[in-house]
Amino acid sequence: DTLNSFGNFETIPPYTNGAESFPLGRILRGNIATYYPDQTFLRMMEAQKIQQPLYIDTSWLLVGHVDETLSFIKASSPRGWVMLVNDPALAKKMLE
């Protein structure tokens, strides 16, 4: 039942993409095709309409949480933040 954990619930910081504006950011969730998180919770998130969720494939992960793949930090960039993406091969190389 790990897809219902809040390690599988992140938010993208506020941003604009073309004509679309997301002043409160967007919800980001991991998704596994063979497992379905609580549908009531998903419907509640989608019903807000302000932070429409994005789903990314996390089926390759043991736990399947989106927080194992990426995070966001403040930065001197046009949006004021950047996305950090895990690189397991680089992490292994750094530890060797």
Protein backbone atom coordinates (compact mmCIF):
# COMPACT_ATOMS: atom_id res chain seq x y z
CA ASP A 1 0.00 0.00 0.00
CA THR A 2 2.98 2.32 -0.42
CA LEU A 3 1.45 4.38 -3.24
CA ASN A 4 -0.94 5.82 -0.65
CA SER A 5 1.96 7.05 1.48
CA PHE A 6 2.90 10.69 1.41
CA GLY A 7 6.40 9.87 0.18
CA ASN A 8 4.52 9.40 -3.07
CA PHE A 9 3.06 12.89 -2.92
CA GLU A 10 5.16 15.86 -3.97
CA THR A 11 4.41 19.30 -5.34
CA ILE A 12 6.03 21.10 -8.20
CA PRO A 13 6.65 24.74 -7.22
CA PRO A 14 4.52 27.48 -8.84
CA TYR A 15 5.20 28.02 -12.54
CA THR A 16 3.82 29.15 -15.89
CA ASN A 17 4.03 27.10 -19.06
CA GLY A 18 2.89 29.03 -22.11
CA ALA A 19 -0.68 30.17 -21.49
CA GLU A 20 -1.11 27.84 -18.51
CA SER A 21 -0.37 29.16 -15.04
CA PHE A 22 -0.02 27.08 -11.91
CA PRO A 23 0.21 29.64 -9.07
CA LEU A 24 0.13 26.91 -6.40
CA GLY A 25 2.29 24.49 -8.36
CA ARG A 26 1.13 20.99 -9.23
CA ILE A 27 0.76 17.70 -7.43
CA LEU A 28 3.24 15.03 -8.52
CA ARG A 29 2.56 11.35 -7.86
CA GLY A 30 4.27 8.10 -8.73
CA ASN A 31 2.22 5.65 -10.75
CA ILE A 32 2.45 1.89 -11.23
CA ALA A 33 0.24 0.36 -13.93
CA THR A 34 -0.43 -2.82 -11.94
CA TYR A 35 -1.28 -1.09 -8.66
CA TYR A 36 -3.90 1.54 -8.04
CA PRO A 37 -3.71 3.96 -5.12
CA ASP A 38 -6.83 4.95 -3.21
CA GLN A 39 -9.27 6.22 -5.85
CA THR A 40 -11.17 8.42 -3.38
CA PHE A 41 -7.98 10.32 -2.55
CA LEU A 42 -7.10 10.66 -6.25
CA ARG A 43 -10.56 12.03 -7.07
CA MET A 44 -10.26 14.55 -4.23
CA MET A 45 -6.91 15.81 -5.57
CA GLU A 46 -8.19 16.02 -9.14
CA ALA A 47 -11.41 17.79 -8.05
CA GLN A 48 -9.42 20.78 -6.80
CA LYS A 49 -8.72 21.80 -10.44
CA ILE A 50 -6.00 24.22 -9.28
CA GLN A 51 -3.16 21.72 -8.85
CA GLN A 52 -4.01 19.09 -11.43
CA PRO A 53 -1.83 16.06 -10.63
CA LEU A 54 0.94 14.81 -12.87
CA TYR A 55 1.76 11.11 -12.70
CA ILE A 56 5.15 9.61 -13.50
CA ASP A 57 6.02 5.94 -13.93
CA THR A 58 7.68 4.67 -10.76
CA SER A 59 7.15 0.96 -11.46
CA TRP A 60 10.90 0.41 -11.68
CA LEU A 61 11.32 1.34 -8.00
CA LEU A 62 10.92 -1.09 -5.13
CA VAL A 63 8.69 1.26 -3.12
CA GLY A 64 7.35 3.24 -6.08
CA HIS A 65 7.47 6.67 -4.48
CA VAL A 66 8.04 9.78 -6.54
CA ASP A 67 10.31 11.24 -3.83
CA GLU A 68 12.88 8.55 -4.66
CA THR A 69 13.34 9.97 -8.14
CA LEU A 70 13.32 13.76 -7.94
CA SER A 71 12.95 16.88 -5.84
CA PHE A 72 12.87 20.65 -6.29
CA ILE A 73 15.09 23.38 -4.84
CA LYS A 74 15.21 27.18 -5.04
CA ALA A 75 17.66 28.43 -7.64
CA SER A 76 18.61 31.47 -9.67
CA SER A 77 16.63 30.38 -12.71
CA PRO A 78 13.78 31.94 -14.70
CA ARG A 79 11.26 30.01 -12.59
CA GLY A 80 13.12 30.48 -9.30
CA TRP A 81 13.64 26.73 -8.86
CA VAL A 82 15.18 23.69 -10.52
CA MET A 83 14.35 20.02 -10.48
CA LEU A 84 16.93 17.56 -9.17
CA VAL A 85 16.80 14.05 -10.64
CA ASN A 86 18.41 11.04 -9.01
CA ASP A 87 21.28 9.42 -10.87
CA PRO A 88 21.94 6.01 -9.26
CA ALA A 89 24.97 5.29 -11.46
CA LEU A 90 26.61 8.60 -10.49
CA ALA A 91 25.81 8.05 -6.81
CA LYS A 92 27.45 4.62 -6.95
CA LYS A 93 30.50 6.06 -8.71
CA MET A 94 30.82 8.79 -6.05
CA LEU A 95 30.82 6.18 -3.28
CA GLU A 96 33.43 3.94 -4.90
